[in-house]
Amino acid sequence: MSRRASTPPRLGFQVQARQCATCIYRPDSPLDLAQLEAAVADGHGGFTKHRACHHAPNAAGICCRGFWDRHKDHFAGGQIAQRLGMVQFVDVDTFKAPRRKR
């Protein structure tokens, strides 16, 4: 039986290393940020989840850098990752999602 090289497990909470040129959190964004944030708000001044980076590969779950910079203390995942020292900044342009096992 041969052993295939496996991708190491994803450790930590992944955040885009830099804000994308088209990030909705840029000051010059024409989008209605309040409406977009309401889509992920919990109704109590925080968020139930993070906003995924739209520039990252689909389903990668990488947190938007603009969202992280503004709201890292306002959702449980961000708070926990910071306290455990498990925030991992990644470059979505070079990010490769782990391959699924067959």
N, C-alpha and C. Protein backbone atom coordinates (compact mmCIF):
# COMPACT_ATOMS: atom_id res chain seq x y z
N MET A 1 0.84 -1.16 0.00
CA MET A 1 0.00 0.00 0.00
C MET A 1 0.89 1.24 0.00
N SER A 2 0.70 2.11 -0.95
CA SER A 2 1.53 3.31 -1.02
C SER A 2 0.87 4.45 -0.25
N ARG A 3 1.69 5.29 0.31
CA ARG A 3 1.18 6.45 1.03
C ARG A 3 1.31 7.67 0.14
N ARG A 4 0.23 8.37 -0.02
CA ARG A 4 0.26 9.61 -0.79
C ARG A 4 0.59 10.76 0.14
N ALA A 5 1.29 11.72 -0.38
CA ALA A 5 1.57 12.91 0.41
C ALA A 5 0.25 13.60 0.69
N SER A 6 0.07 13.98 1.91
CA SER A 6 -1.19 14.64 2.25
C SER A 6 -0.93 16.10 2.58
N THR A 7 -1.95 16.88 2.38
CA THR A 7 -1.88 18.29 2.73
C THR A 7 -2.05 18.41 4.23
N PRO A 8 -1.22 19.20 4.89
CA PRO A 8 -1.39 19.33 6.34
C PRO A 8 -2.76 19.92 6.66
N PRO A 9 -3.32 19.59 7.80
CA PRO A 9 -4.63 20.13 8.13
C PRO A 9 -4.56 21.65 8.28
N ARG A 10 -5.66 22.29 7.98
CA ARG A 10 -5.74 23.74 8.12
C ARG A 10 -5.73 24.08 9.60
N LEU A 11 -4.77 24.84 10.00
CA LEU A 11 -4.67 25.24 11.39
C LEU A 11 -4.99 26.71 11.52
N GLY A 12 -5.80 27.03 12.47
CA GLY A 12 -6.09 28.42 12.74
C GLY A 12 -7.22 28.98 11.90
N PHE A 13 -7.40 30.26 12.06
CA PHE A 13 -8.43 31.01 11.36
C PHE A 13 -7.74 31.81 10.27
N GLN A 14 -8.09 31.57 9.04
CA GLN A 14 -7.39 32.20 7.92
C GLN A 14 -8.02 33.53 7.54
N VAL A 15 -7.13 34.52 7.38
CA VAL A 15 -7.53 35.88 7.03
C VAL A 15 -6.67 36.32 5.84
N GLN A 16 -7.28 36.98 4.88
CA GLN A 16 -6.54 37.53 3.74
C GLN A 16 -5.45 38.46 4.28
N ALA A 17 -4.25 38.32 3.78
CA ALA A 17 -3.11 39.09 4.27
C ALA A 17 -3.21 40.59 4.00
N ARG A 18 -3.85 40.94 2.91
CA ARG A 18 -3.99 42.37 2.58
C ARG A 18 -5.37 42.61 1.98
N GLN A 19 -5.80 43.82 2.08
CA GLN A 19 -7.11 44.16 1.53
C GLN A 19 -7.05 44.15 0.00
N CYS A 20 -8.04 43.52 -0.62
CA CYS A 20 -8.12 43.45 -2.08
C CYS A 20 -8.40 44.83 -2.67
N ALA A 21 -8.05 45.01 -3.92
CA ALA A 21 -8.30 46.28 -4.60
C ALA A 21 -9.79 46.56 -4.75
N THR A 22 -10.61 45.52 -4.72
CA THR A 22 -12.05 45.69 -4.89
C THR A 22 -12.83 45.39 -3.60
N CYS A 23 -12.16 45.44 -2.46
CA CYS A 23 -12.79 45.12 -1.18
C CYS A 23 -13.94 46.08 -0.90
N ILE A 24 -15.03 45.52 -0.37
CA ILE A 24 -16.19 46.35 -0.05
C ILE A 24 -15.90 47.30 1.11
N TYR A 25 -14.83 47.08 1.85
CA TYR A 25 -14.48 47.93 2.99
C TYR A 25 -13.55 49.08 2.62
N ARG A 26 -13.18 49.20 1.36
CA ARG A 26 -12.35 50.33 0.95
C ARG A 26 -13.17 51.62 1.07
N PRO A 27 -12.52 52.72 1.43
CA PRO A 27 -13.26 53.98 1.59
C PRO A 27 -13.97 54.44 0.31
N ASP A 28 -13.44 54.07 -0.84
CA ASP A 28 -14.03 54.51 -2.10
C ASP A 28 -15.03 53.52 -2.69
N SER A 29 -15.43 52.51 -1.90
CA SER A 29 -16.37 51.51 -2.40
C SER A 29 -17.74 52.14 -2.62
N PRO A 30 -18.36 51.89 -3.77
CA PRO A 30 -19.68 52.46 -4.05
C PRO A 30 -20.83 51.65 -3.43
N LEU A 31 -20.51 50.55 -2.78
CA LEU A 31 -21.54 49.67 -2.23
C LEU A 31 -22.08 50.18 -0.90
N ASP A 32 -23.28 49.77 -0.58
CA ASP A 32 -23.93 50.13 0.69
C ASP A 32 -23.43 49.18 1.77
N LEU A 33 -22.38 49.59 2.47
CA LEU A 33 -21.73 48.75 3.45
C LEU A 33 -22.68 48.37 4.60
N ALA A 34 -23.51 49.29 5.02
CA ALA A 34 -24.45 49.00 6.11
C ALA A 34 -25.38 47.85 5.74
N GLN A 35 -25.86 47.85 4.51
CA GLN A 35 -26.75 46.77 4.06
C GLN A 35 -26.00 45.45 3.97
N LEU A 36 -24.77 45.49 3.47
CA LEU A 36 -23.97 44.27 3.36
C LEU A 36 -23.63 43.69 4.73
N GLU A 37 -23.32 44.57 5.69
CA GLU A 37 -23.00 44.09 7.03
C GLU A 37 -24.24 43.55 7.73
N ALA A 38 -25.40 44.11 7.43
CA ALA A 38 -26.64 43.62 8.04
C ALA A 38 -26.90 42.17 7.66
N ALA A 39 -26.39 41.75 6.53
CA ALA A 39 -26.59 40.36 6.08
C ALA A 39 -25.86 39.35 6.97
N VAL A 40 -24.83 39.78 7.68
CA VAL A 40 -24.10 38.87 8.55
C VAL A 40 -24.15 39.31 10.02
N ALA A 41 -24.90 40.34 10.32
CA ALA A 41 -25.01 40.82 11.70
C ALA A 41 -25.91 39.91 12.52
N ASP A 42 -25.67 39.89 13.83
CA ASP A 42 -26.48 39.03 14.70
C ASP A 42 -27.63 39.76 15.38
N GLY A 43 -27.73 41.06 15.17
CA GLY A 43 -28.81 41.84 15.78
C GLY A 43 -28.50 42.34 17.18
N HIS A 44 -27.33 42.01 17.71
CA HIS A 44 -26.94 42.41 19.06
C HIS A 44 -25.61 43.18 19.06
N GLY A 45 -25.26 43.77 17.95
CA GLY A 45 -24.01 44.53 17.86
C GLY A 45 -22.81 43.71 17.45
N GLY A 46 -23.03 42.48 17.08
CA GLY A 46 -21.92 41.62 16.65
C GLY A 46 -22.30 40.88 15.38
N PHE A 47 -21.57 39.82 15.12
CA PHE A 47 -21.79 39.04 13.90
C PHE A 47 -21.81 37.56 14.23
N THR A 48 -22.67 36.82 13.54
CA THR A 48 -22.75 35.38 13.76
C THR A 48 -21.61 34.65 13.05
N LYS A 49 -21.08 35.27 12.02
CA LYS A 49 -19.99 34.68 11.26
C LYS A 49 -19.19 35.79 10.61
N HIS A 50 -18.12 35.43 9.95
CA HIS A 50 -17.30 36.43 9.28
C HIS A 50 -17.72 36.57 7.81
N ARG A 51 -17.30 37.64 7.20
CA ARG A 51 -17.53 37.82 5.77
C ARG A 51 -16.34 37.23 5.05
N ALA A 52 -16.60 36.29 4.15
CA ALA A 52 -15.53 35.64 3.39
C ALA A 52 -14.99 36.60 2.33
N CYS A 53 -13.71 36.49 2.07
CA CYS A 53 -13.07 37.31 1.04
C CYS A 53 -13.62 36.90 -0.33
N HIS A 54 -14.15 37.86 -1.07
CA HIS A 54 -14.73 37.56 -2.38
C HIS A 54 -13.65 37.26 -3.42
N HIS A 55 -12.43 37.57 -3.09
CA HIS A 55 -11.32 37.37 -4.03
C HIS A 55 -10.69 35.98 -3.86
N ALA A 56 -11.00 35.31 -2.76
CA ALA A 56 -10.45 33.99 -2.46
C ALA A 56 -11.17 32.91 -3.26
N PRO A 57 -10.54 31.74 -3.40
CA PRO A 57 -11.21 30.63 -4.09
C PRO A 57 -12.54 30.30 -3.41
N ASN A 58 -13.50 29.87 -4.19
CA ASN A 58 -14.82 29.52 -3.66
C ASN A 58 -14.68 28.51 -2.53
N ALA A 59 -15.48 28.68 -1.52
CA ALA A 59 -15.57 27.76 -0.38
C ALA A 59 -14.28 27.68 0.44
N ALA A 60 -13.34 28.59 0.24
CA ALA A 60 -12.11 28.55 1.03
C ALA A 60 -12.37 29.04 2.45
N GLY A 61 -13.36 29.90 2.62
CA GLY A 61 -13.71 30.39 3.95
C GLY A 61 -12.73 31.39 4.53
N ILE A 62 -11.86 31.94 3.71
CA ILE A 62 -10.87 32.90 4.18
C ILE A 62 -11.58 34.21 4.50
N CYS A 63 -11.30 34.76 5.65
CA CYS A 63 -11.95 35.99 6.10
C CYS A 63 -11.46 37.20 5.31
N CYS A 64 -12.38 38.06 4.96
CA CYS A 64 -12.07 39.32 4.28
C CYS A 64 -11.20 40.18 5.20
N ARG A 65 -10.13 40.75 4.66
CA ARG A 65 -9.22 41.57 5.48
C ARG A 65 -9.90 42.84 5.98
N GLY A 66 -10.73 43.45 5.14
CA GLY A 66 -11.45 44.65 5.57
C GLY A 66 -12.39 44.34 6.72
N PHE A 67 -13.09 43.22 6.63
CA PHE A 67 -13.99 42.80 7.71
C PHE A 67 -13.17 42.53 8.97
N TRP A 68 -12.06 41.81 8.82
CA TRP A 68 -11.21 41.49 9.97
C TRP A 68 -10.72 42.75 10.66
N ASP A 69 -10.23 43.71 9.89
CA ASP A 69 -9.69 44.93 10.49
C ASP A 69 -10.76 45.70 11.27
N ARG A 70 -11.98 45.67 10.82
CA ARG A 70 -13.07 46.39 11.49
C ARG A 70 -13.75 45.60 12.60
N HIS A 71 -13.88 44.28 12.41
CA HIS A 71 -14.79 43.51 13.27
C HIS A 71 -14.18 42.27 13.93
N LYS A 72 -12.86 42.15 13.99
CA LYS A 72 -12.25 40.93 14.53
C LYS A 72 -12.66 40.65 15.98
N ASP A 73 -13.08 41.68 16.70
CA ASP A 73 -13.50 41.49 18.08
C ASP A 73 -15.01 41.34 18.23
N HIS A 74 -15.74 41.32 17.12
CA HIS A 74 -17.20 41.33 17.17
C HIS A 74 -17.84 40.02 16.73
N PHE A 75 -17.07 38.96 16.60
CA PHE A 75 -17.65 37.64 16.31
C PHE A 75 -16.82 36.59 17.03
N ALA A 76 -17.50 35.54 17.46
CA ALA A 76 -16.86 34.53 18.31
C ALA A 76 -15.61 33.93 17.68
N GLY A 77 -15.66 33.59 16.40
CA GLY A 77 -14.51 32.98 15.74
C GLY A 77 -13.28 33.86 15.79
N GLY A 78 -13.47 35.15 15.58
CA GLY A 78 -12.35 36.10 15.63
C GLY A 78 -11.78 36.23 17.03
N GLN A 79 -12.65 36.29 18.01
CA GLN A 79 -12.21 36.41 19.40
C GLN A 79 -11.42 35.18 19.83
N ILE A 80 -11.96 34.02 19.52
CA ILE A 80 -11.30 32.77 19.92
C ILE A 80 -9.95 32.60 19.23
N ALA A 81 -9.92 32.84 17.92
CA ALA A 81 -8.67 32.69 17.17
C ALA A 81 -7.59 33.63 17.70
N GLN A 82 -7.96 34.85 18.05
CA GLN A 82 -6.98 35.79 18.60
C GLN A 82 -6.46 35.32 19.95
N ARG A 83 -7.36 34.89 20.81
CA ARG A 83 -6.95 34.46 22.15
C ARG A 83 -6.05 33.24 22.13
N LEU A 84 -6.28 32.36 21.16
CA LEU A 84 -5.47 31.15 21.06
C LEU A 84 -4.23 31.34 20.19
N GLY A 85 -4.06 32.54 19.62
CA GLY A 85 -2.91 32.80 18.75
C GLY A 85 -2.96 31.99 17.47
N MET A 86 -4.17 31.78 16.95
CA MET A 86 -4.33 30.92 15.79
C MET A 86 -4.81 31.67 14.54
N VAL A 87 -4.54 32.96 14.47
CA VAL A 87 -4.88 33.73 13.27
C VAL A 87 -3.76 33.51 12.26
N GLN A 88 -4.14 33.09 11.07
CA GLN A 88 -3.16 32.81 10.01
C GLN A 88 -3.47 33.72 8.83
N PHE A 89 -2.55 34.61 8.48
CA PHE A 89 -2.74 35.50 7.34
C PHE A 89 -2.23 34.81 6.09
N VAL A 90 -3.07 34.75 5.07
CA VAL A 90 -2.73 34.06 3.82
C VAL A 90 -2.90 35.00 2.64
N ASP A 91 -2.16 34.73 1.59
CA ASP A 91 -2.28 35.49 0.34
C ASP A 91 -3.20 34.72 -0.57
N VAL A 92 -4.39 35.23 -0.81
CA VAL A 92 -5.36 34.47 -1.61
C VAL A 92 -4.92 34.29 -3.05
N ASP A 93 -4.01 35.11 -3.52
CA ASP A 93 -3.53 34.96 -4.89
C ASP A 93 -2.65 33.73 -5.05
N THR A 94 -2.05 33.26 -3.97
CA THR A 94 -1.20 32.08 -4.04
C THR A 94 -1.78 30.92 -3.23
N PHE A 95 -2.96 31.11 -2.64
CA PHE A 95 -3.59 30.09 -1.81
C PHE A 95 -4.06 28.92 -2.65
N LYS A 96 -3.76 27.73 -2.18
CA LYS A 96 -4.26 26.52 -2.82
C LYS A 96 -5.06 25.76 -1.77
N ALA A 97 -6.32 25.52 -2.05
CA ALA A 97 -7.17 24.80 -1.12
C ALA A 97 -6.68 23.36 -1.02
N PRO A 98 -6.78 22.77 0.18
CA PRO A 98 -6.39 21.37 0.32
C PRO A 98 -7.22 20.48 -0.57
N ARG A 99 -6.58 19.46 -1.15
CA ARG A 99 -7.33 18.52 -1.99
C ARG A 99 -8.15 17.60 -1.12
N ARG A 100 -9.30 17.23 -1.63
CA ARG A 100 -10.17 16.31 -0.90
C ARG A 100 -9.63 14.90 -1.03
N LYS A 101 -9.79 14.14 0.03
CA LYS A 101 -9.39 12.73 0.00
C LYS A 101 -10.41 11.96 -0.80
N ARG A 102 -9.94 10.98 -1.51
CA ARG A 102 -10.85 10.15 -2.30
C ARG A 102 -11.29 8.97 -1.52
